[in-house]
Amino acid sequence: MNDTQRTELEAAAFRRLVAHLQARTDVQNIDLMNLSGFCRNCLSKWYKAAADDQGVDLSLDQARETVYGMPYDQWKAQYQTEASPAQQAAFAQGSTSKEKP
């Protein structure tokens, strides 16, 4: 596999992950954080950081819209629910024992 093929495969996998996360609006970011240590917001920040590294002008709001498939505030209003005490406790426990990528 050459570098171009690797980049194309990585891009396709990224698009598939983003489409999956957009379709699974029932999965809350706190659930993703508790299970995997990253969420849609993390992915948005990584996307923006990659743009910055390449000298591409992209705001965090634009990066979030790419990942969420809509403006972030709209997604929160439509799909975000209040985190349960159990979710918050798991997040607090995980955030003290795991490093962020």
PDB file of N, CA and C in Angstrom:
ATOM      1  N   MET A   1       0.850  -1.173   0.000  1.00  0.00           N
ATOM      2  CA  MET A   1       0.000   0.000   0.000  1.00  0.00           C
ATOM      3  C   MET A   1       0.897   1.238   0.000  1.00  0.00           C
ATOM      4  N   ASN A   2       0.567   2.193  -0.854  1.00  0.00           N
ATOM      5  CA  ASN A   2       1.348   3.428  -0.877  1.00  0.00           C
ATOM      6  C   ASN A   2       0.683   4.501  -0.010  1.00  0.00           C
ATOM      7  N   ASP A   3       1.344   5.634   0.151  1.00  0.00           N
ATOM      8  CA  ASP A   3       0.846   6.698   1.025  1.00  0.00           C
ATOM      9  C   ASP A   3      -0.507   7.241   0.563  1.00  0.00           C
ATOM     10  N   THR A   4      -0.696   7.370  -0.725  1.00  0.00           N
ATOM     11  CA  THR A   4      -1.964   7.879  -1.251  1.00  0.00           C
ATOM     12  C   THR A   4      -3.103   6.918  -0.923  1.00  0.00           C
ATOM     13  N   GLN A   5      -2.865   5.636  -1.126  1.00  0.00           N
ATOM     14  CA  GLN A   5      -3.890   4.636  -0.806  1.00  0.00           C
ATOM     15  C   GLN A   5      -4.208   4.644   0.691  1.00  0.00           C
ATOM     16  N   ARG A   6      -3.177   4.728   1.525  1.00  0.00           N
ATOM     17  CA  ARG A   6      -3.376   4.763   2.971  1.00  0.00           C
ATOM     18  C   ARG A   6      -4.216   5.984   3.359  1.00  0.00           C
ATOM     19  N   THR A   7      -3.891   7.133   2.796  1.00  0.00           N
ATOM     20  CA  THR A   7      -4.644   8.362   3.093  1.00  0.00           C
ATOM     21  C   THR A   7      -6.095   8.229   2.641  1.00  0.00           C
ATOM     22  N   GLU A   8      -6.319   7.643   1.468  1.00  0.00           N
ATOM     23  CA  GLU A   8      -7.680   7.457   0.964  1.00  0.00           C
ATOM     24  C   GLU A   8      -8.468   6.498   1.856  1.00  0.00           C
ATOM     25  N   LEU A   9      -7.827   5.431   2.325  1.00  0.00           N
ATOM     26  CA  LEU A   9      -8.500   4.484   3.220  1.00  0.00           C
ATOM     27  C   LEU A   9      -8.814   5.140   4.563  1.00  0.00           C
ATOM     28  N   GLU A  10      -7.865   5.909   5.089  1.00  0.00           N
ATOM     29  CA  GLU A  10      -8.104   6.610   6.353  1.00  0.00           C
ATOM     30  C   GLU A  10      -9.246   7.615   6.211  1.00  0.00           C
ATOM     31  N   ALA A  11      -9.279   8.328   5.099  1.00  0.00           N
ATOM     32  CA  ALA A  11     -10.355   9.300   4.862  1.00  0.00           C
ATOM     33  C   ALA A  11     -11.699   8.590   4.759  1.00  0.00           C
ATOM     34  N   ALA A  12     -11.742   7.465   4.083  1.00  0.00           N
ATOM     35  CA  ALA A  12     -12.992   6.713   3.955  1.00  0.00           C
ATOM     36  C   ALA A  12     -13.455   6.202   5.316  1.00  0.00           C
ATOM     37  N   ALA A  13     -12.511   5.725   6.125  1.00  0.00           N
ATOM     38  CA  ALA A  13     -12.869   5.252   7.472  1.00  0.00           C
ATOM     39  C   ALA A  13     -13.380   6.414   8.323  1.00  0.00           C
ATOM     40  N   PHE A  14     -12.748   7.576   8.215  1.00  0.00           N
ATOM     41  CA  PHE A  14     -13.205   8.756   8.950  1.00  0.00           C
ATOM     42  C   PHE A  14     -14.629   9.128   8.535  1.00  0.00           C
ATOM     43  N   ARG A  15     -14.878   9.165   7.226  1.00  0.00           N
ATOM     44  CA  ARG A  15     -16.233   9.505   6.756  1.00  0.00           C
ATOM     45  C   ARG A  15     -17.254   8.490   7.258  1.00  0.00           C
ATOM     46  N   ARG A  16     -16.886   7.233   7.299  1.00  0.00           N
ATOM     47  CA  ARG A  16     -17.791   6.193   7.789  1.00  0.00           C
ATOM     48  C   ARG A  16     -18.057   6.370   9.284  1.00  0.00           C
ATOM     49  N   LEU A  17     -17.033   6.689  10.056  1.00  0.00           N
ATOM     50  CA  LEU A  17     -17.203   6.949  11.484  1.00  0.00           C
ATOM     51  C   LEU A  17     -18.109   8.147  11.710  1.00  0.00           C
ATOM     52  N   VAL A  18     -17.884   9.228  10.984  1.00  0.00           N
ATOM     53  CA  VAL A  18     -18.710  10.429  11.128  1.00  0.00           C
ATOM     54  C   VAL A  18     -20.163  10.109  10.763  1.00  0.00           C
ATOM     55  N   ALA A  19     -20.392   9.404   9.678  1.00  0.00           N
ATOM     56  CA  ALA A  19     -21.763   9.040   9.283  1.00  0.00           C
ATOM     57  C   ALA A  19     -22.417   8.178  10.358  1.00  0.00           C
ATOM     58  N   HIS A  20     -21.666   7.275  10.927  1.00  0.00           N
ATOM     59  CA  HIS A  20     -22.194   6.410  11.984  1.00  0.00           C
ATOM     60  C   HIS A  20     -22.589   7.245  13.204  1.00  0.00           C
ATOM     61  N   LEU A  21     -21.717   8.157  13.618  1.00  0.00           N
ATOM     62  CA  LEU A  21     -22.024   9.006  14.766  1.00  0.00           C
ATOM     63  C   LEU A  21     -23.210   9.929  14.486  1.00  0.00           C
ATOM     64  N   GLN A  22     -23.337  10.393  13.256  1.00  0.00           N
ATOM     65  CA  GLN A  22     -24.489  11.234  12.900  1.00  0.00           C
ATOM     66  C   GLN A  22     -25.784  10.430  12.947  1.00  0.00           C
ATOM     67  N   ALA A  23     -25.720   9.174  12.571  1.00  0.00           N
ATOM     68  CA  ALA A  23     -26.922   8.325  12.576  1.00  0.00           C
ATOM     69  C   ALA A  23     -27.307   7.891  13.988  1.00  0.00           C
ATOM     70  N   ARG A  24     -26.321   7.780  14.874  1.00  0.00           N
ATOM     71  CA  ARG A  24     -26.573   7.285  16.232  1.00  0.00           C
ATOM     72  C   ARG A  24     -26.749   8.446  17.216  1.00  0.00           C
ATOM     73  N   THR A  25     -27.760   9.253  16.955  1.00  0.00           N
ATOM     74  CA  THR A  25     -28.031  10.400  17.821  1.00  0.00           C
ATOM     75  C   THR A  25     -28.497   9.968  19.204  1.00  0.00           C
ATOM     76  N   ASP A  26     -28.876   8.688  19.346  1.00  0.00           N
ATOM     77  CA  ASP A  26     -29.273   8.173  20.652  1.00  0.00           C
ATOM     78  C   ASP A  26     -28.076   7.985  21.578  1.00  0.00           C
ATOM     79  N   VAL A  27     -26.894   7.911  21.018  1.00  0.00           N
ATOM     80  CA  VAL A  27     -25.690   7.738  21.825  1.00  0.00           C
ATOM     81  C   VAL A  27     -25.183   9.121  22.220  1.00  0.00           C
ATOM     82  N   GLN A  28     -25.165   9.359  23.507  1.00  0.00           N
ATOM     83  CA  GLN A  28     -24.753  10.656  24.029  1.00  0.00           C
ATOM     84  C   GLN A  28     -23.228  10.744  24.081  1.00  0.00           C
ATOM     85  N   ASN A  29     -22.718  11.961  24.006  1.00  0.00           N
ATOM     86  CA  ASN A  29     -21.272  12.164  24.080  1.00  0.00           C
ATOM     87  C   ASN A  29     -20.693  11.626  25.381  1.00  0.00           C
ATOM     88  N   ILE A  30     -21.411  11.779  26.472  1.00  0.00           N
ATOM     89  CA  ILE A  30     -20.884  11.287  27.750  1.00  0.00           C
ATOM     90  C   ILE A  30     -20.755   9.758  27.722  1.00  0.00           C
ATOM     91  N   ASP A  31     -21.672   9.089  27.012  1.00  0.00           N
ATOM     92  CA  ASP A  31     -21.554   7.635  26.860  1.00  0.00           C
ATOM     93  C   ASP A  31     -20.289   7.284  26.075  1.00  0.00           C
ATOM     94  N   LEU A  32     -20.047   8.024  24.992  1.00  0.00           N
ATOM     95  CA  LEU A  32     -18.839   7.794  24.204  1.00  0.00           C
ATOM     96  C   LEU A  32     -17.589   8.034  25.045  1.00  0.00           C
ATOM     97  N   MET A  33     -17.595   9.117  25.809  1.00  0.00           N
ATOM     98  CA  MET A  33     -16.436   9.421  26.662  1.00  0.00           C
ATOM     99  C   MET A  33     -16.214   8.317  27.694  1.00  0.00           C
ATOM    100  N   ASN A  34     -17.309   7.864  28.305  1.00  0.00           N
ATOM    101  CA  ASN A  34     -17.184   6.838  29.345  1.00  0.00           C
ATOM    102  C   ASN A  34     -16.696   5.505  28.786  1.00  0.00           C
ATOM    103  N   LEU A  35     -17.076   5.193  27.562  1.00  0.00           N
ATOM    104  CA  LEU A  35     -16.690   3.908  26.976  1.00  0.00           C
ATOM    105  C   LEU A  35     -15.375   3.952  26.218  1.00  0.00           C
ATOM    106  N   SER A  36     -15.125   5.072  25.531  1.00  0.00           N
ATOM    107  CA  SER A  36     -13.973   5.081  24.633  1.00  0.00           C
ATOM    108  C   SER A  36     -12.948   6.168  24.920  1.00  0.00           C
ATOM    109  N   GLY A  37     -13.309   7.120  25.762  1.00  0.00           N
ATOM    110  CA  GLY A  37     -12.377   8.192  26.064  1.00  0.00           C
ATOM    111  C   GLY A  37     -12.363   9.315  25.044  1.00  0.00           C
ATOM    112  N   PHE A  38     -13.284   9.275  24.083  1.00  0.00           N
ATOM    113  CA  PHE A  38     -13.430  10.389  23.141  1.00  0.00           C
ATOM    114  C   PHE A  38     -14.889  10.490  22.730  1.00  0.00           C
ATOM    115  N   CYS A  39     -15.259  11.666  22.201  1.00  0.00           N
ATOM    116  CA  CYS A  39     -16.641  11.882  21.769  1.00  0.00           C
ATOM    117  C   CYS A  39     -16.650  12.709  20.487  1.00  0.00           C
ATOM    118  N   ARG A  40     -17.823  13.113  20.075  1.00  0.00           N
ATOM    119  CA  ARG A  40     -17.959  13.924  18.872  1.00  0.00           C
ATOM    120  C   ARG A  40     -17.186  15.234  18.993  1.00  0.00           C
ATOM    121  N   ASN A  41     -17.196  15.832  20.182  1.00  0.00           N
ATOM    122  CA  ASN A  41     -16.456  17.079  20.369  1.00  0.00           C
ATOM    123  C   ASN A  41     -14.961  16.857  20.220  1.00  0.00           C
ATOM    124  N   CYS A  42     -14.452  15.757  20.748  1.00  0.00           N
ATOM    125  CA  CYS A  42     -13.033  15.430  20.586  1.00  0.00           C
ATOM    126  C   CYS A  42     -12.705  15.284  19.098  1.00  0.00           C
ATOM    127  N   LEU A  43     -13.523  14.538  18.386  1.00  0.00           N
ATOM    128  CA  LEU A  43     -13.297  14.321  16.966  1.00  0.00           C
ATOM    129  C   LEU A  43     -13.312  15.646  16.217  1.00  0.00           C
ATOM    130  N   SER A  44     -14.219  16.541  16.594  1.00  0.00           N
ATOM    131  CA  SER A  44     -14.278  17.872  15.975  1.00  0.00           C
ATOM    132  C   SER A  44     -12.988  18.638  16.226  1.00  0.00           C
ATOM    133  N   LYS A  45     -12.483  18.567  17.447  1.00  0.00           N
ATOM    134  CA  LYS A  45     -11.246  19.277  17.787  1.00  0.00           C
ATOM    135  C   LYS A  45     -10.050  18.679  17.047  1.00  0.00           C
ATOM    136  N   TRP A  46     -10.023  17.362  16.878  1.00  0.00           N
ATOM    137  CA  TRP A  46      -8.942  16.729  16.124  1.00  0.00           C
ATOM    138  C   TRP A  46      -9.005  17.143  14.656  1.00  0.00           C
ATOM    139  N   TYR A  47     -10.215  17.240  14.127  1.00  0.00           N
ATOM    140  CA  TYR A  47     -10.419  17.650  12.737  1.00  0.00           C
ATOM    141  C   TYR A  47      -9.911  19.079  12.547  1.00  0.00           C
ATOM    142  N   LYS A  48     -10.257  19.959  13.490  1.00  0.00           N
ATOM    143  CA  LYS A  48      -9.788  21.346  13.408  1.00  0.00           C
ATOM    144  C   LYS A  48      -8.273  21.400  13.540  1.00  0.00           C
ATOM    145  N   ALA A  49      -7.701  20.631  14.446  1.00  0.00           N
ATOM    146  CA  ALA A  49      -6.247  20.616  14.611  1.00  0.00           C
ATOM    147  C   ALA A  49      -5.559  20.158  13.326  1.00  0.00           C
ATOM    148  N   ALA A  50      -6.130  19.172  12.652  1.00  0.00           N
ATOM    149  CA  ALA A  50      -5.571  18.707  11.381  1.00  0.00           C
ATOM    150  C   ALA A  50      -5.641  19.822  10.340  1.00  0.00           C
ATOM    151  N   ALA A  51      -6.751  20.557  10.324  1.00  0.00           N
ATOM    152  CA  ALA A  51      -6.882  21.692   9.399  1.00  0.00           C
ATOM    153  C   ALA A  51      -5.821  22.742   9.713  1.00  0.00           C
ATOM    154  N   ASP A  52      -5.649  23.039  10.994  1.00  0.00           N
ATOM    155  CA  ASP A  52      -4.632  24.010  11.405  1.00  0.00           C
ATOM    156  C   ASP A  52      -3.243  23.564  10.954  1.00  0.00           C
ATOM    157  N   ASP A  53      -2.952  22.275  11.125  1.00  0.00           N
ATOM    158  CA  ASP A  53      -1.651  21.734  10.733  1.00  0.00           C
ATOM    159  C   ASP A  53      -1.401  21.890   9.233  1.00  0.00           C
ATOM    160  N   GLN A  54      -2.492  21.833   8.460  1.00  0.00           N
ATOM    161  CA  GLN A  54      -2.382  21.943   7.003  1.00  0.00           C
ATOM    162  C   GLN A  54      -2.528  23.388   6.512  1.00  0.00           C
ATOM    163  N   GLY A  55      -2.749  24.308   7.452  1.00  0.00           N
ATOM    164  CA  GLY A  55      -2.928  25.710   7.070  1.00  0.00           C
ATOM    165  C   GLY A  55      -4.287  25.992   6.451  1.00  0.00           C
ATOM    166  N   VAL A  56      -5.256  25.142   6.753  1.00  0.00           N
ATOM    167  CA  VAL A  56      -6.615  25.310   6.230  1.00  0.00           C
ATOM    168  C   VAL A  56      -7.423  26.125   7.232  1.00  0.00           C
ATOM    169  N   ASP A  57      -8.077  27.170   6.736  1.00  0.00           N
ATOM    170  CA  ASP A  57      -8.891  28.026   7.594  1.00  0.00           C
ATOM    171  C   ASP A  57     -10.206  27.318   7.899  1.00  0.00           C
ATOM    172  N   LEU A  58     -10.358  26.853   9.134  1.00  0.00           N
ATOM    173  CA  LEU A  58     -11.553  26.133   9.568  1.00  0.00           C
ATOM    174  C   LEU A  58     -11.803  26.475  11.027  1.00  0.00           C
ATOM    175  N   SER A  59     -12.991  26.951  11.318  1.00  0.00           N
ATOM    176  CA  SER A  59     -13.324  27.271  12.708  1.00  0.00           C
ATOM    177  C   SER A  59     -13.764  26.009  13.444  1.00  0.00           C
ATOM    178  N   LEU A  60     -13.765  26.076  14.762  1.00  0.00           N
ATOM    179  CA  LEU A  60     -14.250  24.949  15.550  1.00  0.00           C
ATOM    180  C   LEU A  60     -15.717  24.697  15.250  1.00  0.00           C
ATOM    181  N   ASP A  61     -16.502  25.748  15.068  1.00  0.00           N
ATOM    182  CA  ASP A  61     -17.920  25.570  14.719  1.00  0.00           C
ATOM    183  C   ASP A  61     -18.074  24.834  13.392  1.00  0.00           C
ATOM    184  N   GLN A  62     -17.237  25.147  12.415  1.00  0.00           N
ATOM    185  CA  GLN A  62     -17.294  24.447  11.126  1.00  0.00           C
ATOM    186  C   GLN A  62     -16.884  22.986  11.292  1.00  0.00           C
ATOM    187  N   ALA A  63     -15.875  22.745  12.098  1.00  0.00           N
ATOM    188  CA  ALA A  63     -15.450  21.361  12.349  1.00  0.00           C
ATOM    189  C   ALA A  63     -16.560  20.579  13.037  1.00  0.00           C
ATOM    190  N   ARG A  64     -17.200  21.195  14.025  1.00  0.00           N
ATOM    191  CA  ARG A  64     -18.305  20.521  14.710  1.00  0.00           C
ATOM    192  C   ARG A  64     -19.444  20.228  13.752  1.00  0.00           C
ATOM    193  N   GLU A  65     -19.751  21.162  12.863  1.00  0.00           N
ATOM    194  CA  GLU A  65     -20.834  20.926  11.908  1.00  0.00           C
ATOM    195  C   GLU A  65     -20.497  19.761  10.980  1.00  0.00           C
ATOM    196  N   THR A  66     -19.224  19.605  10.639  1.00  0.00           N
ATOM    197  CA  THR A  66     -18.800  18.464   9.828  1.00  0.00           C
ATOM    198  C   THR A  66     -19.070  17.160  10.568  1.00  0.00           C
ATOM    199  N   VAL A  67     -18.747  17.110  11.852  1.00  0.00           N
ATOM    200  CA  VAL A  67     -18.898  15.888  12.636  1.00  0.00           C
ATOM    201  C   VAL A  67     -20.357  15.646  13.017  1.00  0.00           C
ATOM    202  N   TYR A  68     -21.049  16.677  13.458  1.00  0.00           N
ATOM    203  CA  TYR A  68     -22.430  16.521  13.916  1.00  0.00           C
ATOM    204  C   TYR A  68     -23.442  16.469  12.775  1.00  0.00           C
ATOM    205  N   GLY A  69     -23.067  16.992  11.610  1.00  0.00           N
ATOM    206  CA  GLY A  69     -23.989  17.011  10.477  1.00  0.00           C
ATOM    207  C   GLY A  69     -24.986  18.157  10.540  1.00  0.00           C
ATOM    208  N   MET A  70     -24.792  19.046  11.475  1.00  0.00           N
ATOM    209  CA  MET A  70     -25.658  20.221  11.678  1.00  0.00           C
ATOM    210  C   MET A  70     -24.939  21.128  12.667  1.00  0.00           C
ATOM    211  N   PRO A  71     -25.402  22.364  12.814  1.00  0.00           N
ATOM    212  CA  PRO A  71     -24.773  23.215  13.826  1.00  0.00           C
ATOM    213  C   PRO A  71     -24.856  22.565  15.211  1.00  0.00           C
ATOM    214  N   TYR A  72     -23.793  22.724  15.976  1.00  0.00           N
ATOM    215  CA  TYR A  72     -23.673  22.092  17.283  1.00  0.00           C
ATOM    216  C   TYR A  72     -24.840  22.445  18.200  1.00  0.00           C
ATOM    217  N   ASP A  73     -25.209  23.721  18.243  1.00  0.00           N
ATOM    218  CA  ASP A  73     -26.325  24.136  19.110  1.00  0.00           C
ATOM    219  C   ASP A  73     -27.632  23.448  18.710  1.00  0.00           C
ATOM    220  N   GLN A  74     -27.840  23.247  17.414  1.00  0.00           N
ATOM    221  CA  GLN A  74     -29.037  22.546  16.943  1.00  0.00           C
ATOM    222  C   GLN A  74     -29.010  21.085  17.393  1.00  0.00           C
ATOM    223  N   TRP A  75     -27.847  20.433  17.278  1.00  0.00           N
ATOM    224  CA  TRP A  75     -27.731  19.034  17.699  1.00  0.00           C
ATOM    225  C   TRP A  75     -28.025  18.920  19.189  1.00  0.00           C
ATOM    226  N   LYS A  76     -27.429  19.823  19.987  1.00  0.00           N
ATOM    227  CA  LYS A  76     -27.661  19.780  21.430  1.00  0.00           C
ATOM    228  C   LYS A  76     -29.144  19.941  21.747  1.00  0.00           C
ATOM    229  N   ALA A  77     -29.808  20.881  21.092  1.00  0.00           N
ATOM    230  CA  ALA A  77     -31.226  21.123  21.357  1.00  0.00           C
ATOM    231  C   ALA A  77     -32.086  19.925  20.954  1.00  0.00           C
ATOM    232  N   GLN A  78     -31.725  19.264  19.861  1.00  0.00           N
ATOM    233  CA  GLN A  78     -32.529  18.145  19.359  1.00  0.00           C
ATOM    234  C   GLN A  78     -32.238  16.826  20.062  1.00  0.00           C
ATOM    235  N   TYR A  79     -30.973  16.571  20.387  1.00  0.00           N
ATOM    236  CA  TYR A  79     -30.592  15.218  20.776  1.00  0.00           C
ATOM    237  C   TYR A  79     -29.928  15.071  22.144  1.00  0.00           C
ATOM    238  N   GLN A  80     -29.325  16.120  22.652  1.00  0.00           N
ATOM    239  CA  GLN A  80     -28.593  15.964  23.910  1.00  0.00           C
ATOM    240  C   GLN A  80     -29.549  15.893  25.086  1.00  0.00           C
ATOM    241  N   THR A  81     -29.306  14.935  25.946  1.00  0.00           N
ATOM    242  CA  THR A  81     -30.104  14.785  27.153  1.00  0.00           C
ATOM    243  C   THR A  81     -29.236  15.101  28.366  1.00  0.00           C
ATOM    244  N   GLU A  82     -29.885  15.323  29.478  1.00  0.00           N
ATOM    245  CA  GLU A  82     -29.164  15.572  30.725  1.00  0.00           C
ATOM    246  C   GLU A  82     -28.459  14.284  31.149  1.00  0.00           C
ATOM    247  N   ALA A  83     -27.213  14.415  31.525  1.00  0.00           N
ATOM    248  CA  ALA A  83     -26.462  13.241  31.977  1.00  0.00           C
ATOM    249  C   ALA A  83     -27.004  12.770  33.323  1.00  0.00           C
ATOM    250  N   SER A  84     -27.153  11.474  33.444  1.00  0.00           N
ATOM    251  CA  SER A  84     -27.640  10.890  34.693  1.00  0.00           C
ATOM    252  C   SER A  84     -26.539  10.947  35.752  1.00  0.00           C
ATOM    253  N   PRO A  85     -26.907  10.825  37.016  1.00  0.00           N
ATOM    254  CA  PRO A  85     -25.873  10.762  38.054  1.00  0.00           C
ATOM    255  C   PRO A  85     -24.869   9.635  37.811  1.00  0.00           C
ATOM    256  N   ALA A  86     -25.336   8.494  37.321  1.00  0.00           N
ATOM    257  CA  ALA A  86     -24.432   7.376  37.044  1.00  0.00           C
ATOM    258  C   ALA A  86     -23.458   7.723  35.915  1.00  0.00           C
ATOM    259  N   GLN A  87     -23.950   8.376  34.871  1.00  0.00           N
ATOM    260  CA  GLN A  87     -23.077   8.790  33.771  1.00  0.00           C
ATOM    261  C   GLN A  87     -22.037   9.796  34.263  1.00  0.00           C
ATOM    262  N   GLN A  88     -22.487  10.749  35.070  1.00  0.00           N
ATOM    263  CA  GLN A  88     -21.574  11.765  35.588  1.00  0.00           C
ATOM    264  C   GLN A  88     -20.512  11.139  36.490  1.00  0.00           C
ATOM    265  N   ALA A  89     -20.910  10.187  37.317  1.00  0.00           N
ATOM    266  CA  ALA A  89     -19.959   9.512  38.204  1.00  0.00           C
ATOM    267  C   ALA A  89     -18.939   8.717  37.400  1.00  0.00           C
ATOM    268  N   ALA A  90     -19.411   8.008  36.374  1.00  0.00           N
ATOM    269  CA  ALA A  90     -18.491   7.241  35.532  1.00  0.00           C
ATOM    270  C   ALA A  90     -17.521   8.170  34.811  1.00  0.00           C
ATOM    271  N   PHE A  91     -18.015   9.314  34.359  1.00  0.00           N
ATOM    272  CA  PHE A  91     -17.158  10.286  33.688  1.00  0.00           C
ATOM    273  C   PHE A  91     -16.115  10.823  34.656  1.00  0.00           C
ATOM    274  N   ALA A  92     -16.540  11.180  35.844  1.00  0.00           N
ATOM    275  CA  ALA A  92     -15.614  11.715  36.848  1.00  0.00           C
ATOM    276  C   ALA A  92     -14.541  10.683  37.195  1.00  0.00           C
ATOM    277  N   GLN A  93     -14.944   9.448  37.334  1.00  0.00           N
ATOM    278  CA  GLN A  93     -13.983   8.385  37.651  1.00  0.00           C
ATOM    279  C   GLN A  93     -13.028   8.165  36.487  1.00  0.00           C
ATOM    280  N   GLY A  94     -13.556   8.134  35.283  1.00  0.00           N
ATOM    281  CA  GLY A  94     -12.729   7.894  34.096  1.00  0.00           C
ATOM    282  C   GLY A  94     -11.807   9.042  33.781  1.00  0.00           C
ATOM    283  N   SER A  95     -12.248  10.272  34.025  1.00  0.00           N
ATOM    284  CA  SER A  95     -11.427  11.415  33.675  1.00  0.00           C
ATOM    285  C   SER A  95     -10.230  11.565  34.607  1.00  0.00           C
ATOM    286  N   THR A  96     -10.289  10.944  35.762  1.00  0.00           N
ATOM    287  CA  THR A  96      -9.144  11.013  36.670  1.00  0.00           C
ATOM    288  C   THR A  96      -8.181   9.850  36.450  1.00  0.00           C
ATOM    289  N   SER A  97      -8.652   8.794  35.763  1.00  0.00           N
ATOM    290  CA  SER A  97      -7.794   7.620  35.604  1.00  0.00           C
ATOM    291  C   SER A  97      -7.292   7.420  34.183  1.00  0.00           C
ATOM    292  N   LYS A  98      -7.740   8.227  33.218  1.00  0.00           N
ATOM    293  CA  LYS A  98      -7.339   8.055  31.826  1.00  0.00           C
ATOM    294  C   LYS A  98      -6.712   9.337  31.304  1.00  0.00           C
ATOM    295  N   GLU A  99      -5.743   9.162  30.427  1.00  0.00           N
ATOM    296  CA  GLU A  99      -5.177  10.304  29.730  1.00  0.00           C
ATOM    297  C   GLU A  99      -6.021  10.599  28.513  1.00  0.00           C
ATOM    298  N   LYS A 100      -6.134  11.875  28.180  1.00  0.00           N
ATOM    299  CA  LYS A 100      -6.829  12.259  26.942  1.00  0.00           C
ATOM    300  C   LYS A 100      -5.861  12.123  25.786  1.00  0.00           C
ATOM    301  N   PRO A 101      -6.387  11.676  24.617  1.00  0.00           N
ATOM    302  CA  PRO A 101      -5.490  11.531  23.444  1.00  0.00           C
ATOM    303  C   PRO A 101      -5.009  12.863  22.925  1.00  0.00           C
TER     304      PRO A 101
END
